[in-house]
PDB file of N, CA and C in Angstrom:
ATOM      1  N   SER A   1       0.801  -1.222  -0.018  1.00  0.00           N
ATOM      2  CA  SER A   1       0.017  -0.010  -0.001  1.00  0.00           C
ATOM      3  C   SER A   1       0.900   1.275  -0.001  1.00  0.00           C
ATOM      4  N   TRP A   2       0.243   2.434  -0.084  1.00  0.00           N
ATOM      5  CA  TRP A   2       1.041   3.693  -0.048  1.00  0.00           C
ATOM      6  C   TRP A   2       1.691   3.923   1.225  1.00  0.00           C
ATOM      7  N   LEU A   3       1.242   3.337   2.284  1.00  0.00           N
ATOM      8  CA  LEU A   3       1.865   3.437   3.595  1.00  0.00           C
ATOM      9  C   LEU A   3       3.291   2.814   3.592  1.00  0.00           C
ATOM     10  N   THR A   4       3.402   1.662   2.961  1.00  0.00           N
ATOM     11  CA  THR A   4       4.603   0.978   2.861  1.00  0.00           C
ATOM     12  C   THR A   4       5.595   1.660   1.826  1.00  0.00           C
ATOM     13  N   GLU A   5       4.992   1.998   0.752  1.00  0.00           N
ATOM     14  CA  GLU A   5       5.809   2.615  -0.341  1.00  0.00           C
ATOM     15  C   GLU A   5       6.460   3.890   0.097  1.00  0.00           C
ATOM     16  N   TYR A   6       5.683   4.774   0.834  1.00  0.00           N
ATOM     17  CA  TYR A   6       6.174   5.997   1.279  1.00  0.00           C
ATOM     18  C   TYR A   6       6.742   6.037   2.793  1.00  0.00           C
ATOM     19  N   GLU A   7       6.832   4.767   3.293  1.00  0.00           N
ATOM     20  CA  GLU A   7       7.400   4.548   4.621  1.00  0.00           C
ATOM     21  C   GLU A   7       6.625   5.198   5.739  1.00  0.00           C
ATOM     22  N   PHE A   8       5.283   5.184   5.762  1.00  0.00           N
ATOM     23  CA  PHE A   8       4.402   5.728   6.745  1.00  0.00           C
ATOM     24  C   PHE A   8       3.818   4.576   7.634  1.00  0.00           C
ATOM     25  N   GLN A   9       4.146   3.409   7.465  1.00  0.00           N
ATOM     26  CA  GLN A   9       3.531   2.287   8.109  1.00  0.00           C
ATOM     27  C   GLN A   9       3.845   2.288   9.666  1.00  0.00           C
ATOM     28  N   ASP A  10       4.879   2.864  10.106  1.00  0.00           N
ATOM     29  CA  ASP A  10       5.336   2.964  11.559  1.00  0.00           C
ATOM     30  C   ASP A  10       4.806   4.299  12.161  1.00  0.00           C
ATOM     31  N   ASP A  11       4.305   5.201  11.376  1.00  0.00           N
ATOM     32  CA  ASP A  11       3.876   6.478  11.959  1.00  0.00           C
ATOM     33  C   ASP A  11       2.523   6.365  12.684  1.00  0.00           C
ATOM     34  N   THR A  12       2.170   7.424  13.365  1.00  0.00           N
ATOM     35  CA  THR A  12       0.930   7.417  14.112  1.00  0.00           C
ATOM     36  C   THR A  12      -0.225   7.595  13.095  1.00  0.00           C
ATOM     37  N   PHE A  13      -1.429   7.309  13.612  1.00  0.00           N
ATOM     38  CA  PHE A  13      -2.610   7.523  12.767  1.00  0.00           C
ATOM     39  C   PHE A  13      -2.711   8.945  12.280  1.00  0.00           C
ATOM     40  N   PHE A  14      -2.472   9.900  13.237  1.00  0.00           N
ATOM     41  CA  PHE A  14      -2.512  11.279  12.927  1.00  0.00           C
ATOM     42  C   PHE A  14      -1.581  11.720  11.730  1.00  0.00           C
ATOM     43  N   GLU A  15      -0.356  11.156  11.874  1.00  0.00           N
ATOM     44  CA  GLU A  15       0.604  11.519  10.745  1.00  0.00           C
ATOM     45  C   GLU A  15       0.208  10.891   9.456  1.00  0.00           C
ATOM     46  N   GLN A  16      -0.340   9.644   9.509  1.00  0.00           N
ATOM     47  CA  GLN A  16      -0.780   9.057   8.307  1.00  0.00           C
ATOM     48  C   GLN A  16      -1.983   9.830   7.710  1.00  0.00           C
ATOM     49  N   TYR A  17      -2.913  10.218   8.541  1.00  0.00           N
ATOM     50  CA  TYR A  17      -4.052  10.897   8.126  1.00  0.00           C
ATOM     51  C   TYR A  17      -3.647  12.358   7.544  1.00  0.00           C
ATOM     52  N   THR A  18      -2.793  13.041   8.151  1.00  0.00           N
ATOM     53  CA  THR A  18      -2.386  14.371   7.612  1.00  0.00           C
ATOM     54  C   THR A  18      -1.685  14.205   6.403  1.00  0.00           C
ATOM     55  N   ALA A  19      -0.808  13.110   6.217  1.00  0.00           N
ATOM     56  CA  ALA A  19      -0.112  12.929   5.000  1.00  0.00           C
ATOM     57  C   ALA A  19      -1.099  12.687   3.824  1.00  0.00           C
ATOM     58  N   SER A  20      -2.122  11.919   4.066  1.00  0.00           N
ATOM     59  CA  SER A  20      -3.205  11.610   3.007  1.00  0.00           C
ATOM     60  C   SER A  20      -3.920  12.853   2.720  1.00  0.00           C
ATOM     61  N   LEU A  21      -4.287  13.725   3.707  1.00  0.00           N
ATOM     62  CA  LEU A  21      -5.049  14.940   3.486  1.00  0.00           C
ATOM     63  C   LEU A  21      -4.135  15.934   2.682  1.00  0.00           C
ATOM     64  N   ARG A  22      -2.898  15.959   3.003  1.00  0.00           N
ATOM     65  CA  ARG A  22      -1.907  16.895   2.188  1.00  0.00           C
ATOM     66  C   ARG A  22      -1.953  16.520   0.754  1.00  0.00           C
ATOM     67  N   TRP A  23      -1.907  15.116   0.505  1.00  0.00           N
ATOM     68  CA  TRP A  23      -1.837  14.691  -0.807  1.00  0.00           C
ATOM     69  C   TRP A  23      -3.231  15.004  -1.577  1.00  0.00           C
ATOM     70  N   ALA A  24      -4.301  14.825  -0.875  1.00  0.00           N
ATOM     71  CA  ALA A  24      -5.637  15.140  -1.497  1.00  0.00           C
ATOM     72  C   ALA A  24      -5.761  16.624  -1.776  1.00  0.00           C
ATOM     73  N   PHE A  25      -5.374  17.467  -0.791  1.00  0.00           N
ATOM     74  CA  PHE A  25      -5.456  18.928  -1.064  1.00  0.00           C
ATOM     75  C   PHE A  25      -4.513  19.363  -2.167  1.00  0.00           C
ATOM     76  N   SER A  26      -3.332  18.773  -2.325  1.00  0.00           N
ATOM     77  CA  SER A  26      -2.445  19.137  -3.378  1.00  0.00           C
ATOM     78  C   SER A  26      -2.984  18.689  -4.713  1.00  0.00           C
ATOM     79  N   GLN A  27      -3.844  17.667  -4.825  1.00  0.00           N
ATOM     80  CA  GLN A  27      -4.427  17.363  -6.111  1.00  0.00           C
ATOM     81  C   GLN A  27      -5.528  18.279  -6.460  1.00  0.00           C
ATOM     82  N   LEU A  28      -6.076  19.088  -5.543  1.00  0.00           N
ATOM     83  CA  LEU A  28      -7.066  20.070  -5.847  1.00  0.00           C
ATOM     84  C   LEU A  28      -6.410  21.344  -6.457  1.00  0.00           C
ATOM     85  N   GLY A  29      -5.204  21.594  -6.115  1.00  0.00           N
ATOM     86  CA  GLY A  29      -4.527  22.726  -6.555  1.00  0.00           C
ATOM     87  C   GLY A  29      -3.685  22.540  -7.795  1.00  0.00           C
ATOM     88  N   ILE A  30      -2.368  22.792  -7.663  1.00  0.00           N
ATOM     89  CA  ILE A  30      -1.574  22.702  -8.831  1.00  0.00           C
ATOM     90  C   ILE A  30      -1.011  21.334  -9.008  1.00  0.00           C
ATOM     91  N   GLY A  31      -1.403  20.405  -8.225  1.00  0.00           N
ATOM     92  CA  GLY A  31      -0.934  18.976  -8.398  1.00  0.00           C
ATOM     93  C   GLY A  31       0.112  18.649  -7.386  1.00  0.00           C
ATOM     94  N   GLY A  32       0.580  17.374  -7.504  1.00  0.00           N
ATOM     95  CA  GLY A  32       1.586  16.862  -6.556  1.00  0.00           C
ATOM     96  C   GLY A  32       2.873  17.560  -6.731  1.00  0.00           C
ATOM     97  N   THR A  33       3.762  17.458  -5.752  1.00  0.00           N
ATOM     98  CA  THR A  33       5.082  17.969  -5.727  1.00  0.00           C
ATOM     99  C   THR A  33       6.062  17.067  -5.088  1.00  0.00           C
ATOM    100  N   ASP A  34       7.299  17.146  -5.422  1.00  0.00           N
ATOM    101  CA  ASP A  34       8.307  16.293  -4.730  1.00  0.00           C
ATOM    102  C   ASP A  34       8.730  16.936  -3.422  1.00  0.00           C
ATOM    103  N   ILE A  35       8.298  18.100  -3.111  1.00  0.00           N
ATOM    104  CA  ILE A  35       8.664  18.752  -1.857  1.00  0.00           C
ATOM    105  C   ILE A  35       7.600  18.215  -0.812  1.00  0.00           C
ATOM    106  N   GLU A  36       8.137  17.711   0.274  1.00  0.00           N
ATOM    107  CA  GLU A  36       7.257  16.980   1.226  1.00  0.00           C
ATOM    108  C   GLU A  36       7.638  17.513   2.668  1.00  0.00           C
ATOM    109  N   ALA A  37       6.704  17.517   3.517  1.00  0.00           N
ATOM    110  CA  ALA A  37       6.960  17.944   4.917  1.00  0.00           C
ATOM    111  C   ALA A  37       7.892  16.877   5.497  1.00  0.00           C
ATOM    112  N   THR A  38       8.858  17.359   6.371  1.00  0.00           N
ATOM    113  CA  THR A  38       9.767  16.371   6.902  1.00  0.00           C
ATOM    114  C   THR A  38       9.403  15.955   8.330  1.00  0.00           C
ATOM    115  N   ASN A  39       8.411  16.722   8.985  1.00  0.00           N
ATOM    116  CA  ASN A  39       8.085  16.306  10.315  1.00  0.00           C
ATOM    117  C   ASN A  39       6.500  16.563  10.487  1.00  0.00           C
ATOM    118  N   GLU A  40       6.001  16.245  11.567  1.00  0.00           N
ATOM    119  CA  GLU A  40       4.546  16.359  11.854  1.00  0.00           C
ATOM    120  C   GLU A  40       4.132  17.886  11.864  1.00  0.00           C
ATOM    121  N   ARG A  41       4.962  18.643  12.466  1.00  0.00           N
ATOM    122  CA  ARG A  41       4.610  20.100  12.570  1.00  0.00           C
ATOM    123  C   ARG A  41       4.579  20.708  11.180  1.00  0.00           C
ATOM    124  N   GLU A  42       5.512  20.522  10.281  1.00  0.00           N
ATOM    125  CA  GLU A  42       5.402  21.017   8.900  1.00  0.00           C
ATOM    126  C   GLU A  42       4.265  20.410   8.128  1.00  0.00           C
ATOM    127  N   GLY A  43       3.965  19.182   8.350  1.00  0.00           N
ATOM    128  CA  GLY A  43       2.812  18.582   7.689  1.00  0.00           C
ATOM    129  C   GLY A  43       1.471  19.228   8.142  1.00  0.00           C
ATOM    130  N   THR A  44       1.307  19.454   9.425  1.00  0.00           N
ATOM    131  CA  THR A  44       0.152  20.056   9.909  1.00  0.00           C
ATOM    132  C   THR A  44       0.066  21.493   9.341  1.00  0.00           C
ATOM    133  N   TYR A  45       1.168  22.198   9.386  1.00  0.00           N
ATOM    134  CA  TYR A  45       1.101  23.552   8.936  1.00  0.00           C
ATOM    135  C   TYR A  45       0.741  23.697   7.402  1.00  0.00           C
ATOM    136  N   SER A  46       1.306  22.758   6.606  1.00  0.00           N
ATOM    137  CA  SER A  46       1.043  22.754   5.146  1.00  0.00           C
ATOM    138  C   SER A  46      -0.427  22.387   4.869  1.00  0.00           C
ATOM    139  N   LEU A  47      -0.932  21.552   5.705  1.00  0.00           N
ATOM    140  CA  LEU A  47      -2.340  21.115   5.630  1.00  0.00           C
ATOM    141  C   LEU A  47      -3.267  22.332   5.911  1.00  0.00           C
ATOM    142  N   MET A  48      -2.965  23.044   7.002  1.00  0.00           N
ATOM    143  CA  MET A  48      -3.752  24.245   7.385  1.00  0.00           C
ATOM    144  C   MET A  48      -3.615  25.299   6.369  1.00  0.00           C
ATOM    145  N   VAL A  49      -2.474  25.505   5.686  1.00  0.00           N
ATOM    146  CA  VAL A  49      -2.358  26.510   4.634  1.00  0.00           C
ATOM    147  C   VAL A  49      -3.214  26.090   3.442  1.00  0.00           C
ATOM    148  N   ALA A  50      -3.192  24.810   3.103  1.00  0.00           N
ATOM    149  CA  ALA A  50      -3.939  24.368   1.948  1.00  0.00           C
ATOM    150  C   ALA A  50      -5.401  24.509   2.264  1.00  0.00           C
ATOM    151  N   LEU A  51      -5.912  24.225   3.503  1.00  0.00           N
ATOM    152  CA  LEU A  51      -7.289  24.342   3.757  1.00  0.00           C
ATOM    153  C   LEU A  51      -7.752  25.847   3.827  1.00  0.00           C
ATOM    154  N   ILE A  52      -6.935  26.670   4.293  1.00  0.00           N
ATOM    155  CA  ILE A  52      -7.271  28.094   4.291  1.00  0.00           C
ATOM    156  C   ILE A  52      -7.332  28.662   2.860  1.00  0.00           C
ATOM    157  N   SER A  53      -6.383  28.183   2.074  1.00  0.00           N
ATOM    158  CA  SER A  53      -6.353  28.604   0.646  1.00  0.00           C
ATOM    159  C   SER A  53      -7.630  28.095  -0.125  1.00  0.00           C
ATOM    160  N   LEU A  54      -7.989  26.948   0.142  1.00  0.00           N
ATOM    161  CA  LEU A  54      -9.209  26.332  -0.476  1.00  0.00           C
ATOM    162  C   LEU A  54     -10.442  27.157  -0.108  1.00  0.00           C
ATOM    163  N   VAL A  55     -10.584  27.430   1.168  1.00  0.00           N
ATOM    164  CA  VAL A  55     -11.733  28.224   1.635  1.00  0.00           C
ATOM    165  C   VAL A  55     -11.736  29.580   1.063  1.00  0.00           C
ATOM    166  N   THR A  56     -10.602  30.263   1.075  1.00  0.00           N
ATOM    167  CA  THR A  56     -10.499  31.548   0.469  1.00  0.00           C
ATOM    168  C   THR A  56     -10.840  31.586  -0.937  1.00  0.00           C
ATOM    169  N   PHE A  57     -10.333  30.680  -1.738  1.00  0.00           N
ATOM    170  CA  PHE A  57     -10.509  30.658  -3.133  1.00  0.00           C
ATOM    171  C   PHE A  57     -11.957  30.418  -3.451  1.00  0.00           C
ATOM    172  N   SER A  58     -12.536  29.432  -2.693  1.00  0.00           N
ATOM    173  CA  SER A  58     -14.062  29.081  -2.966  1.00  0.00           C
ATOM    174  C   SER A  58     -14.860  30.285  -2.566  1.00  0.00           C
ATOM    175  N   THR A  59     -14.524  31.078  -1.541  1.00  0.00           N
ATOM    176  CA  THR A  59     -15.230  32.230  -1.142  1.00  0.00           C
ATOM    177  C   THR A  59     -15.243  33.285  -2.226  1.00  0.00           C
ATOM    178  N   ILE A  60     -14.029  33.507  -2.819  1.00  0.00           N
ATOM    179  CA  ILE A  60     -13.903  34.510  -3.850  1.00  0.00           C
ATOM    180  C   ILE A  60     -14.669  34.115  -5.058  1.00  0.00           C
ATOM    181  N   ILE A  61     -14.600  32.847  -5.490  1.00  0.00           N
ATOM    182  CA  ILE A  61     -15.355  32.370  -6.650  1.00  0.00           C
ATOM    183  C   ILE A  61     -16.868  32.488  -6.420  1.00  0.00           C
ATOM    184  N   SER A  62     -17.267  32.158  -5.227  1.00  0.00           N
ATOM    185  CA  SER A  62     -18.773  32.295  -4.866  1.00  0.00           C
ATOM    186  C   SER A  62     -19.189  33.717  -4.962  1.00  0.00           C
ATOM    187  N   SER A  63     -18.365  34.628  -4.423  1.00  0.00           N
ATOM    188  CA  SER A  63     -18.718  36.077  -4.475  1.00  0.00           C
ATOM    189  C   SER A  63     -18.759  36.661  -5.865  1.00  0.00           C
ATOM    190  N   MET A  64     -17.864  36.210  -6.745  1.00  0.00           N
ATOM    191  CA  MET A  64     -17.929  36.638  -8.113  1.00  0.00           C
ATOM    192  C   MET A  64     -19.072  36.053  -8.813  1.00  0.00           C
ATOM    193  N   THR A  65     -19.454  34.839  -8.588  1.00  0.00           N
ATOM    194  CA  THR A  65     -20.652  34.213  -9.227  1.00  0.00           C
ATOM    195  C   THR A  65     -21.918  34.953  -8.842  1.00  0.00           C
ATOM    196  N   SER A  66     -21.952  35.266  -7.510  1.00  0.00           N
ATOM    197  CA  SER A  66     -23.059  35.997  -7.070  1.00  0.00           C
ATOM    198  C   SER A  66     -23.242  37.411  -7.620  1.00  0.00           C
ATOM    199  N   LEU A  67     -22.090  38.079  -7.744  1.00  0.00           N
ATOM    200  CA  LEU A  67     -22.078  39.464  -8.352  1.00  0.00           C
ATOM    201  C   LEU A  67     -22.465  39.401  -9.849  1.00  0.00           C
ATOM    202  N   VAL A  68     -22.019  38.521 -10.556  1.00  0.00           N
ATOM    203  CA  VAL A  68     -22.383  38.372 -11.961  1.00  0.00           C
ATOM    204  C   VAL A  68     -23.838  38.039 -12.116  1.00  0.00           C
ATOM    205  N   SER A  69     -24.310  37.119 -11.220  1.00  0.00           N
ATOM    206  CA  SER A  69     -25.820  36.775 -11.321  1.00  0.00           C
ATOM    207  C   SER A  69     -26.674  37.990 -10.955  1.00  0.00           C
ATOM    208  N   THR A  70     -26.234  38.781 -10.050  1.00  0.00           N
ATOM    209  CA  THR A  70     -27.005  39.965  -9.690  1.00  0.00           C
ATOM    210  C   THR A  70     -26.962  40.986 -10.814  1.00  0.00           C
ATOM    211  N   LEU A  71     -25.817  41.193 -11.384  1.00  0.00           N
ATOM    212  CA  LEU A  71     -25.755  42.121 -12.550  1.00  0.00           C
ATOM    213  C   LEU A  71     -26.543  41.620 -13.787  1.00  0.00           C
ATOM    214  N   GLN A  72     -26.549  40.397 -13.948  1.00  0.00           N
ATOM    215  CA  GLN A  72     -27.304  39.823 -15.032  1.00  0.00           C
ATOM    216  C   GLN A  72     -28.845  39.976 -14.796  1.00  0.00           C
ATOM    217  N   ASN A  73     -29.282  39.810 -13.586  1.00  0.00           N
ATOM    218  CA  ASN A  73     -30.697  39.996 -13.224  1.00  0.00           C
ATOM    219  C   ASN A  73     -31.158  41.415 -13.410  1.00  0.00           C
ATOM    220  N   ARG A  74     -30.286  42.374 -12.992  1.00  0.00           N
ATOM    221  CA  ARG A  74     -30.518  43.817 -13.176  1.00  0.00           C
ATOM    222  C   ARG A  74     -30.613  44.179 -14.607  1.00  0.00           C
ATOM    223  N   ARG A  75     -29.807  43.615 -15.416  1.00  0.00           N
ATOM    224  CA  ARG A  75     -29.777  43.903 -16.874  1.00  0.00           C
ATOM    225  C   ARG A  75     -31.028  43.395 -17.481  1.00  0.00           C
ATOM    226  N   MET A  76     -31.519  42.153 -17.052  1.00  0.00           N
ATOM    227  CA  MET A  76     -32.718  41.634 -17.625  1.00  0.00           C
ATOM    228  C   MET A  76     -33.934  42.468 -17.153  1.00  0.00           C
ATOM    229  N   GLU A  77     -33.955  42.977 -16.024  1.00  0.00           N
ATOM    230  CA  GLU A  77     -35.065  43.854 -15.522  1.00  0.00           C
ATOM    231  C   GLU A  77     -35.069  45.136 -16.342  1.00  0.00           C
ATOM    232  N   GLU A  78     -33.895  45.731 -16.659  1.00  0.00           N
ATOM    233  CA  GLU A  78     -33.791  46.971 -17.438  1.00  0.00           C
ATOM    234  C   GLU A  78     -34.305  46.760 -18.848  1.00  0.00           C
ATOM    235  N   THR A  79     -33.995  45.618 -19.442  1.00  0.00           N
ATOM    236  CA  THR A  79     -34.463  45.405 -20.825  1.00  0.00           C
ATOM    237  C   THR A  79     -35.899  45.069 -20.916  1.00  0.00           C
ATOM    238  N   GLN A  80     -36.476  44.641 -19.818  1.00  0.00           N
ATOM    239  CA  GLN A  80     -37.906  44.226 -19.860  1.00  0.00           C
ATOM    240  C   GLN A  80     -38.750  45.408 -19.687  1.00  0.00           C
ATOM    241  N   GLN A  81     -38.239  46.537 -19.144  1.00  0.00           N
ATOM    242  CA  GLN A  81     -39.048  47.780 -18.945  1.00  0.00           C
ATOM    243  C   GLN A  81     -39.145  48.592 -20.082  1.00  0.00           C
TER     244      GLN A  81
END
């Protein structure tokens, strides 16, 4: 399994879980990278940065979508009058 291949089989459950979450979040962004956290603290930090980035990006996209939708509705109302 990936635990054996990447030598995570002896790590704690928390370390294994954060490693898998870091991998999953990296696939949402620019993709995987060869740069990897070397300890639990770096892994947790990179996971939090990825989560904050994901939430921030999603919020910005949601706001832009709402703005465009509102502008489109106003334009439709103006053309109907």
